[in-house]
Amino acid sequence: MTKKSKIIQTSGTRKTAVARLSLKAGTGNIRINSVLLENYAPEMAKQKIEEVCIFGSHILPTCDIDIRVHGGGVIAQADAAKIAIGKALVEKDEKVKEKILAYDRQMLVADTRFKETAKPNCHGAARAKRQKSYRWVYQITWLIIWGKKMIIPIRCYSCGKPVAHLYEEYLEKVKSGKSKKQALDELGLERYCCRALFLGNIDAIDVTGKFKKF
């Protein structure tokens, strides 16, 4: 009674591709989804698989390898099959492991990198990044360079009317004894949105300047 040779079973993964391998005694045939490696397409995927077979030149002629792979694209499937073959060769001959690791570690260890899925309402972008405007930063910087001591937008946020150049005049009118309503009327700021900018403004630079800087 002849002794049955050991059947080696390994697996490999890449992205969503999963390859399951079965190695047994044979005549050196390598089949991937029932297709011989010599006839496997595309050529780039075939070369990826043949690369790892070089390290098993003394093992593969006496073995048959059958690989079932599914999921992912053709290149991901080739990478998954390559890892499965590399693991089978190491299990068959432990001395091959050092050579494979020295050449390319990813022939034995799966690459866990994965394409990040798109987020909803992001127009296909991977990360959930919302549109953000830095216009106010440039406005404030320009006002500080201009020599003003207040933080107020150049234009009204609602109607778009230029208002920044009127603020100093507004402060002078208020200091002279006029009411805020009278000062705003004389400056021609009749809209509620423009008046709210002046009435709700705080001299933030003077206020924050009193605190210690860390």
C-alpha atoms as a PDB file:
ATOM      1  CA  MET A   1       0.000   0.000   0.000  1.00  0.00           C
ATOM      2  CA  THR A   2       1.500   3.288  -1.121  1.00  0.00           C
ATOM      3  CA  LYS A   3       1.632   6.198   1.281  1.00  0.00           C
ATOM      4  CA  LYS A   4      -0.365   9.247   0.186  1.00  0.00           C
ATOM      5  CA  SER A   5       1.571  12.484  -0.173  1.00  0.00           C
ATOM      6  CA  LYS A   6       0.583  15.389   2.014  1.00  0.00           C
ATOM      7  CA  ILE A   7      -1.795  17.949   0.487  1.00  0.00           C
ATOM      8  CA  ILE A   8      -0.870  21.525   1.347  1.00  0.00           C
ATOM      9  CA  GLN A   9      -3.619  24.140   1.484  1.00  0.00           C
ATOM     10  CA  THR A  10      -2.907  27.864   1.765  1.00  0.00           C
ATOM     11  CA  SER A  11      -4.639  31.149   1.003  1.00  0.00           C
ATOM     12  CA  GLY A  12      -3.728  34.675  -0.031  1.00  0.00           C
ATOM     13  CA  THR A  13      -5.576  37.976  -0.079  1.00  0.00           C
ATOM     14  CA  ARG A  14      -5.215  41.355  -1.754  1.00  0.00           C
ATOM     15  CA  LYS A  15      -7.894  44.032  -1.398  1.00  0.00           C
ATOM     16  CA  THR A  16     -11.144  42.104  -1.989  1.00  0.00           C
ATOM     17  CA  ALA A  17      -9.503  39.235  -3.897  1.00  0.00           C
ATOM     18  CA  VAL A  18      -9.153  35.885  -2.106  1.00  0.00           C
ATOM     19  CA  ALA A  19      -7.121  32.962  -3.465  1.00  0.00           C
ATOM     20  CA  ARG A  20      -7.282  29.423  -2.069  1.00  0.00           C
ATOM     21  CA  LEU A  21      -4.535  26.994  -3.081  1.00  0.00           C
ATOM     22  CA  SER A  22      -4.198  23.246  -3.017  1.00  0.00           C
ATOM     23  CA  LEU A  23      -0.756  21.670  -3.621  1.00  0.00           C
ATOM     24  CA  LYS A  24      -0.295  17.938  -4.139  1.00  0.00           C
ATOM     25  CA  ALA A  25       2.064  15.560  -5.886  1.00  0.00           C
ATOM     26  CA  GLY A  26       1.912  15.814  -9.651  1.00  0.00           C
ATOM     27  CA  THR A  27       3.732  16.749 -12.833  1.00  0.00           C
ATOM     28  CA  GLY A  28       4.253  20.524 -12.419  1.00  0.00           C
ATOM     29  CA  ASN A  29       0.906  21.894 -13.600  1.00  0.00           C
ATOM     30  CA  ILE A  30      -0.302  25.181 -12.137  1.00  0.00           C
ATOM     31  CA  ARG A  31      -3.961  26.002 -12.720  1.00  0.00           C
ATOM     32  CA  ILE A  32      -5.765  29.203 -11.758  1.00  0.00           C
ATOM     33  CA  ASN A  33      -9.539  28.861 -11.955  1.00  0.00           C
ATOM     34  CA  SER A  34      -8.982  25.779 -14.149  1.00  0.00           C
ATOM     35  CA  VAL A  35      -6.727  27.730 -16.566  1.00  0.00           C
ATOM     36  CA  LEU A  36      -3.102  26.667 -16.989  1.00  0.00           C
ATOM     37  CA  LEU A  37      -0.588  29.324 -15.972  1.00  0.00           C
ATOM     38  CA  GLU A  38       0.890  29.267 -19.497  1.00  0.00           C
ATOM     39  CA  ASN A  39      -2.486  30.396 -20.876  1.00  0.00           C
ATOM     40  CA  TYR A  40      -3.377  32.814 -18.073  1.00  0.00           C
ATOM     41  CA  ALA A  41      -4.204  36.401 -19.075  1.00  0.00           C
ATOM     42  CA  PRO A  42      -3.444  39.267 -18.910  1.00  0.00           C
ATOM     43  CA  GLU A  43       0.311  38.938 -19.377  1.00  0.00           C
ATOM     44  CA  MET A  44       1.138  41.267 -16.461  1.00  0.00           C
ATOM     45  CA  ALA A  45      -0.875  39.138 -14.050  1.00  0.00           C
ATOM     46  CA  LYS A  46       0.809  36.001 -15.412  1.00  0.00           C
ATOM     47  CA  GLN A  47       4.274  37.494 -14.850  1.00  0.00           C
ATOM     48  CA  LYS A  48       3.387  38.392 -11.254  1.00  0.00           C
ATOM     49  CA  ILE A  49       2.561  34.756 -10.522  1.00  0.00           C
ATOM     50  CA  GLU A  50       5.583  33.385 -12.397  1.00  0.00           C
ATOM     51  CA  GLU A  51       7.845  35.645 -10.309  1.00  0.00           C
ATOM     52  CA  VAL A  52       7.265  33.687  -7.119  1.00  0.00           C
ATOM     53  CA  CYS A  53       7.480  30.346  -8.939  1.00  0.00           C
ATOM     54  CA  ILE A  54      11.191  30.977  -9.574  1.00  0.00           C
ATOM     55  CA  PHE A  55      11.893  30.273  -5.881  1.00  0.00           C
ATOM     56  CA  GLY A  56      10.170  26.886  -6.174  1.00  0.00           C
ATOM     57  CA  SER A  57      12.036  25.639  -9.246  1.00  0.00           C
ATOM     58  CA  HIS A  58      13.184  22.568  -7.273  1.00  0.00           C
ATOM     59  CA  ILE A  59       9.704  21.896  -5.841  1.00  0.00           C
ATOM     60  CA  LEU A  60       7.120  22.678  -8.522  1.00  0.00           C
ATOM     61  CA  PRO A  61       8.181  20.091 -11.164  1.00  0.00           C
ATOM     62  CA  THR A  62       6.946  17.311  -8.855  1.00  0.00           C
ATOM     63  CA  CYS A  63       3.768  19.080  -7.704  1.00  0.00           C
ATOM     64  CA  ASP A  64       0.425  20.170  -9.064  1.00  0.00           C
ATOM     65  CA  ILE A  65      -1.094  23.440  -7.862  1.00  0.00           C
ATOM     66  CA  ASP A  66      -4.763  24.280  -8.168  1.00  0.00           C
ATOM     67  CA  ILE A  67      -5.835  27.812  -7.222  1.00  0.00           C
ATOM     68  CA  ARG A  68      -9.361  29.162  -6.895  1.00  0.00           C
ATOM     69  CA  VAL A  69      -9.510  32.947  -6.776  1.00  0.00           C
ATOM     70  CA  HIS A  70     -12.460  35.306  -6.680  1.00  0.00           C
ATOM     71  CA  GLY A  71     -13.195  38.958  -5.979  1.00  0.00           C
ATOM     72  CA  GLY A  72     -11.239  42.089  -6.852  1.00  0.00           C
ATOM     73  CA  GLY A  73      -9.585  42.868 -10.189  1.00  0.00           C
ATOM     74  CA  VAL A  74      -7.178  40.835 -12.295  1.00  0.00           C
ATOM     75  CA  ILE A  75      -4.069  42.347 -10.672  1.00  0.00           C
ATOM     76  CA  ALA A  76      -5.444  41.911  -7.153  1.00  0.00           C
ATOM     77  CA  GLN A  77      -6.257  38.293  -7.974  1.00  0.00           C
ATOM     78  CA  ALA A  78      -2.722  37.764  -9.277  1.00  0.00           C
ATOM     79  CA  ASP A  79      -1.256  39.225  -6.069  1.00  0.00           C
ATOM     80  CA  ALA A  80      -3.514  36.988  -3.966  1.00  0.00           C
ATOM     81  CA  ALA A  81      -2.469  33.902  -5.969  1.00  0.00           C
ATOM     82  CA  LYS A  82       1.197  34.914  -5.658  1.00  0.00           C
ATOM     83  CA  ILE A  83       0.937  35.061  -1.854  1.00  0.00           C
ATOM     84  CA  ALA A  84      -0.827  31.684  -1.730  1.00  0.00           C
ATOM     85  CA  ILE A  85       1.942  30.076  -3.844  1.00  0.00           C
ATOM     86  CA  GLY A  86       4.643  31.692  -1.687  1.00  0.00           C
ATOM     87  CA  LYS A  87       3.088  30.292   1.490  1.00  0.00           C
ATOM     88  CA  ALA A  88       2.803  26.824  -0.075  1.00  0.00           C
ATOM     89  CA  LEU A  89       6.468  26.844  -1.096  1.00  0.00           C
ATOM     90  CA  VAL A  90       7.542  27.833   2.425  1.00  0.00           C
ATOM     91  CA  GLU A  91       5.408  25.088   3.924  1.00  0.00           C
ATOM     92  CA  LYS A  92       6.968  22.603   1.516  1.00  0.00           C
ATOM     93  CA  ASP A  93      10.539  23.802   2.104  1.00  0.00           C
ATOM     94  CA  GLU A  94      11.334  26.137   5.009  1.00  0.00           C
ATOM     95  CA  LYS A  95      14.662  27.183   3.451  1.00  0.00           C
ATOM     96  CA  VAL A  96      12.807  29.109   0.725  1.00  0.00           C
ATOM     97  CA  LYS A  97      11.372  31.561   3.249  1.00  0.00           C
ATOM     98  CA  GLU A  98      14.559  33.587   3.767  1.00  0.00           C
ATOM     99  CA  LYS A  99      15.140  33.934   0.017  1.00  0.00           C
ATOM    100  CA  ILE A 100      11.572  35.125  -0.629  1.00  0.00           C
ATOM    101  CA  LEU A 101      11.627  37.617   2.244  1.00  0.00           C
ATOM    102  CA  ALA A 102      14.945  39.002   1.080  1.00  0.00           C
ATOM    103  CA  TYR A 103      13.586  39.464  -2.448  1.00  0.00           C
ATOM    104  CA  ASP A 104      10.042  40.719  -1.776  1.00  0.00           C
ATOM    105  CA  ARG A 105       8.270  40.487   1.570  1.00  0.00           C
ATOM    106  CA  GLN A 106       4.862  40.908  -0.058  1.00  0.00           C
ATOM    107  CA  MET A 107       5.164  37.454  -1.622  1.00  0.00           C
ATOM    108  CA  LEU A 108       4.397  36.042   1.819  1.00  0.00           C
ATOM    109  CA  VAL A 109       2.757  38.871   3.763  1.00  0.00           C
ATOM    110  CA  ALA A 110      -0.503  40.335   2.507  1.00  0.00           C
ATOM    111  CA  ASP A 111      -0.593  44.026   1.665  1.00  0.00           C
ATOM    112  CA  THR A 112      -3.386  45.368   3.846  1.00  0.00           C
ATOM    113  CA  ARG A 113      -3.700  48.699   2.047  1.00  0.00           C
ATOM    114  CA  PHE A 114      -7.194  49.300   0.785  1.00  0.00           C
ATOM    115  CA  LYS A 115      -8.868  51.995  -1.258  1.00  0.00           C
ATOM    116  CA  GLU A 116     -10.803  54.246   1.095  1.00  0.00           C
ATOM    117  CA  THR A 117     -14.497  54.216   0.308  1.00  0.00           C
ATOM    118  CA  ALA A 118     -16.185  57.416  -0.820  1.00  0.00           C
ATOM    119  CA  LYS A 119     -18.254  59.320   1.736  1.00  0.00           C
ATOM    120  CA  PRO A 120     -21.831  60.471   1.073  1.00  0.00           C
ATOM    121  CA  ASN A 121     -22.382  63.978  -0.317  1.00  0.00           C
ATOM    122  CA  CYS A 122     -18.690  64.409  -1.169  1.00  0.00           C
ATOM    123  CA  HIS A 123     -18.898  64.160  -4.968  1.00  0.00           C
ATOM    124  CA  GLY A 124     -16.753  61.033  -5.155  1.00  0.00           C
ATOM    125  CA  ALA A 125     -14.015  62.206  -2.781  1.00  0.00           C
ATOM    126  CA  ALA A 126     -12.648  59.592  -0.397  1.00  0.00           C
ATOM    127  CA  ARG A 127     -12.446  61.710   2.717  1.00  0.00           C
ATOM    128  CA  ALA A 128     -15.337  63.652   4.193  1.00  0.00           C
ATOM    129  CA  LYS A 129     -13.940  67.067   3.420  1.00  0.00           C
ATOM    130  CA  ARG A 130     -16.393  69.917   3.155  1.00  0.00           C
ATOM    131  CA  GLN A 131     -15.818  73.109   1.232  1.00  0.00           C
ATOM    132  CA  LYS A 132     -14.317  75.793   3.447  1.00  0.00           C
ATOM    133  CA  SER A 133     -13.693  79.422   2.662  1.00  0.00           C
ATOM    134  CA  TYR A 134     -10.661  81.302   3.974  1.00  0.00           C
ATOM    135  CA  ARG A 135     -11.806  84.635   2.593  1.00  0.00           C
ATOM    136  CA  TRP A 136     -12.302  86.113   6.063  1.00  0.00           C
ATOM    137  CA  VAL A 137      -8.650  85.360   6.921  1.00  0.00           C
ATOM    138  CA  TYR A 138      -7.425  87.496   4.028  1.00  0.00           C
ATOM    139  CA  GLN A 139      -9.892  90.250   4.903  1.00  0.00           C
ATOM    140  CA  ILE A 140      -8.720  90.439   8.518  1.00  0.00           C
ATOM    141  CA  THR A 141      -5.042  90.293   7.499  1.00  0.00           C
ATOM    142  CA  TRP A 142      -5.564  93.112   5.025  1.00  0.00           C
ATOM    143  CA  LEU A 143      -7.284  95.273   7.636  1.00  0.00           C
ATOM    144  CA  ILE A 144      -4.502  94.727  10.187  1.00  0.00           C
ATOM    145  CA  ILE A 145      -1.821  95.638   7.633  1.00  0.00           C
ATOM    146  CA  TRP A 146      -3.911  98.665   6.636  1.00  0.00           C
ATOM    147  CA  GLY A 147      -3.529  99.946  10.194  1.00  0.00           C
ATOM    148  CA  LYS A 148      -7.044  99.416  11.539  1.00  0.00           C
ATOM    149  CA  LYS A 149      -7.569  98.318  15.098  1.00  0.00           C
ATOM    150  CA  MET A 150     -10.807  96.466  14.531  1.00  0.00           C
ATOM    151  CA  ILE A 151     -11.896  93.218  12.943  1.00  0.00           C
ATOM    152  CA  ILE A 152     -14.713  93.942  10.536  1.00  0.00           C
ATOM    153  CA  PRO A 153     -15.354  92.508   7.054  1.00  0.00           C
ATOM    154  CA  ILE A 154     -14.575  94.573   3.991  1.00  0.00           C
ATOM    155  CA  ARG A 155     -18.046  93.900   2.609  1.00  0.00           C
ATOM    156  CA  CYS A 156     -21.362  93.170   4.237  1.00  0.00           C
ATOM    157  CA  TYR A 157     -21.961  89.422   4.379  1.00  0.00           C
ATOM    158  CA  SER A 158     -25.569  89.729   3.180  1.00  0.00           C
ATOM    159  CA  CYS A 159     -25.782  92.560   0.629  1.00  0.00           C
ATOM    160  CA  GLY A 160     -22.096  92.813  -0.327  1.00  0.00           C
ATOM    161  CA  LYS A 161     -21.836  96.561   0.248  1.00  0.00           C
ATOM    162  CA  PRO A 162     -18.301  97.832   1.165  1.00  0.00           C
ATOM    163  CA  VAL A 163     -18.452  98.911   4.815  1.00  0.00           C
ATOM    164  CA  ALA A 164     -14.942  98.568   6.301  1.00  0.00           C
ATOM    165  CA  HIS A 165     -13.803 102.054   5.247  1.00  0.00           C
ATOM    166  CA  LEU A 166     -16.770 103.628   7.082  1.00  0.00           C
ATOM    167  CA  TYR A 167     -16.065 102.162  10.508  1.00  0.00           C
ATOM    168  CA  GLU A 168     -13.493 104.765  11.618  1.00  0.00           C
ATOM    169  CA  GLU A 169     -15.841 107.555  10.585  1.00  0.00           C
ATOM    170  CA  TYR A 170     -18.662 105.850  12.479  1.00  0.00           C
ATOM    171  CA  LEU A 171     -16.562 105.738  15.671  1.00  0.00           C
ATOM    172  CA  GLU A 172     -15.689 109.457  15.350  1.00  0.00           C
ATOM    173  CA  LYS A 173     -19.348 110.405  15.009  1.00  0.00           C
ATOM    174  CA  VAL A 174     -20.280 108.359  18.088  1.00  0.00           C
ATOM    175  CA  LYS A 175     -17.436 109.924  20.107  1.00  0.00           C
ATOM    176  CA  SER A 176     -18.606 113.396  19.099  1.00  0.00           C
ATOM    177  CA  GLY A 177     -21.890 112.795  20.915  1.00  0.00           C
ATOM    178  CA  LYS A 178     -24.168 111.518  18.183  1.00  0.00           C
ATOM    179  CA  SER A 179     -26.270 108.455  18.762  1.00  0.00           C
ATOM    180  CA  LYS A 180     -25.399 105.255  16.944  1.00  0.00           C
ATOM    181  CA  LYS A 181     -28.625 105.525  14.934  1.00  0.00           C
ATOM    182  CA  GLN A 182     -27.784 109.028  13.770  1.00  0.00           C
ATOM    183  CA  ALA A 183     -24.213 108.022  12.867  1.00  0.00           C
ATOM    184  CA  LEU A 184     -25.405 105.080  10.800  1.00  0.00           C
ATOM    185  CA  ASP A 185     -28.036 107.185   9.055  1.00  0.00           C
ATOM    186  CA  GLU A 186     -25.480 109.840   8.093  1.00  0.00           C
ATOM    187  CA  LEU A 187     -23.162 107.169   6.685  1.00  0.00           C
ATOM    188  CA  GLY A 188     -25.984 105.849   4.498  1.00  0.00           C
ATOM    189  CA  LEU A 189     -26.136 102.459   6.162  1.00  0.00           C
ATOM    190  CA  GLU A 190     -29.861 101.863   5.987  1.00  0.00           C
ATOM    191  CA  ARG A 191     -29.987  98.110   5.631  1.00  0.00           C
ATOM    192  CA  TYR A 192     -30.363  96.010   8.758  1.00  0.00           C
ATOM    193  CA  CYS A 193     -27.487  93.687   7.778  1.00  0.00           C
ATOM    194  CA  CYS A 194     -24.973  96.551   7.453  1.00  0.00           C
ATOM    195  CA  ARG A 195     -26.112  98.211  10.681  1.00  0.00           C
ATOM    196  CA  ALA A 196     -25.805  94.872  12.543  1.00  0.00           C
ATOM    197  CA  LEU A 197     -22.135  94.596  11.567  1.00  0.00           C
ATOM    198  CA  PHE A 198     -21.311  97.938  13.181  1.00  0.00           C
ATOM    199  CA  LEU A 199     -23.570  97.595  16.215  1.00  0.00           C
ATOM    200  CA  GLY A 200     -22.403  94.050  17.028  1.00  0.00           C
ATOM    201  CA  ASN A 201     -18.702  94.610  16.359  1.00  0.00           C
ATOM    202  CA  ILE A 202     -16.075  94.242  19.124  1.00  0.00           C
ATOM    203  CA  ASP A 203     -12.535  95.605  18.952  1.00  0.00           C
ATOM    204  CA  ALA A 204     -11.198  92.084  19.273  1.00  0.00           C
ATOM    205  CA  ILE A 205      -7.556  93.008  18.784  1.00  0.00           C
ATOM    206  CA  ASP A 206      -7.629  95.430  21.733  1.00  0.00           C
ATOM    207  CA  VAL A 207      -9.530  92.939  23.884  1.00  0.00           C
ATOM    208  CA  THR A 208      -7.347  89.899  23.167  1.00  0.00           C
ATOM    209  CA  GLY A 209      -4.159  91.960  23.393  1.00  0.00           C
ATOM    210  CA  LYS A 210      -4.616  92.216  27.169  1.00  0.00           C
ATOM    211  CA  PHE A 211      -4.098  88.461  27.600  1.00  0.00           C
ATOM    212  CA  LYS A 212      -0.745  86.739  27.808  1.00  0.00           C
ATOM    213  CA  LYS A 213       0.555  84.984  24.710  1.00  0.00           C
ATOM    214  CA  PHE A 214       1.560  81.370  25.128  1.00  0.00           C
END
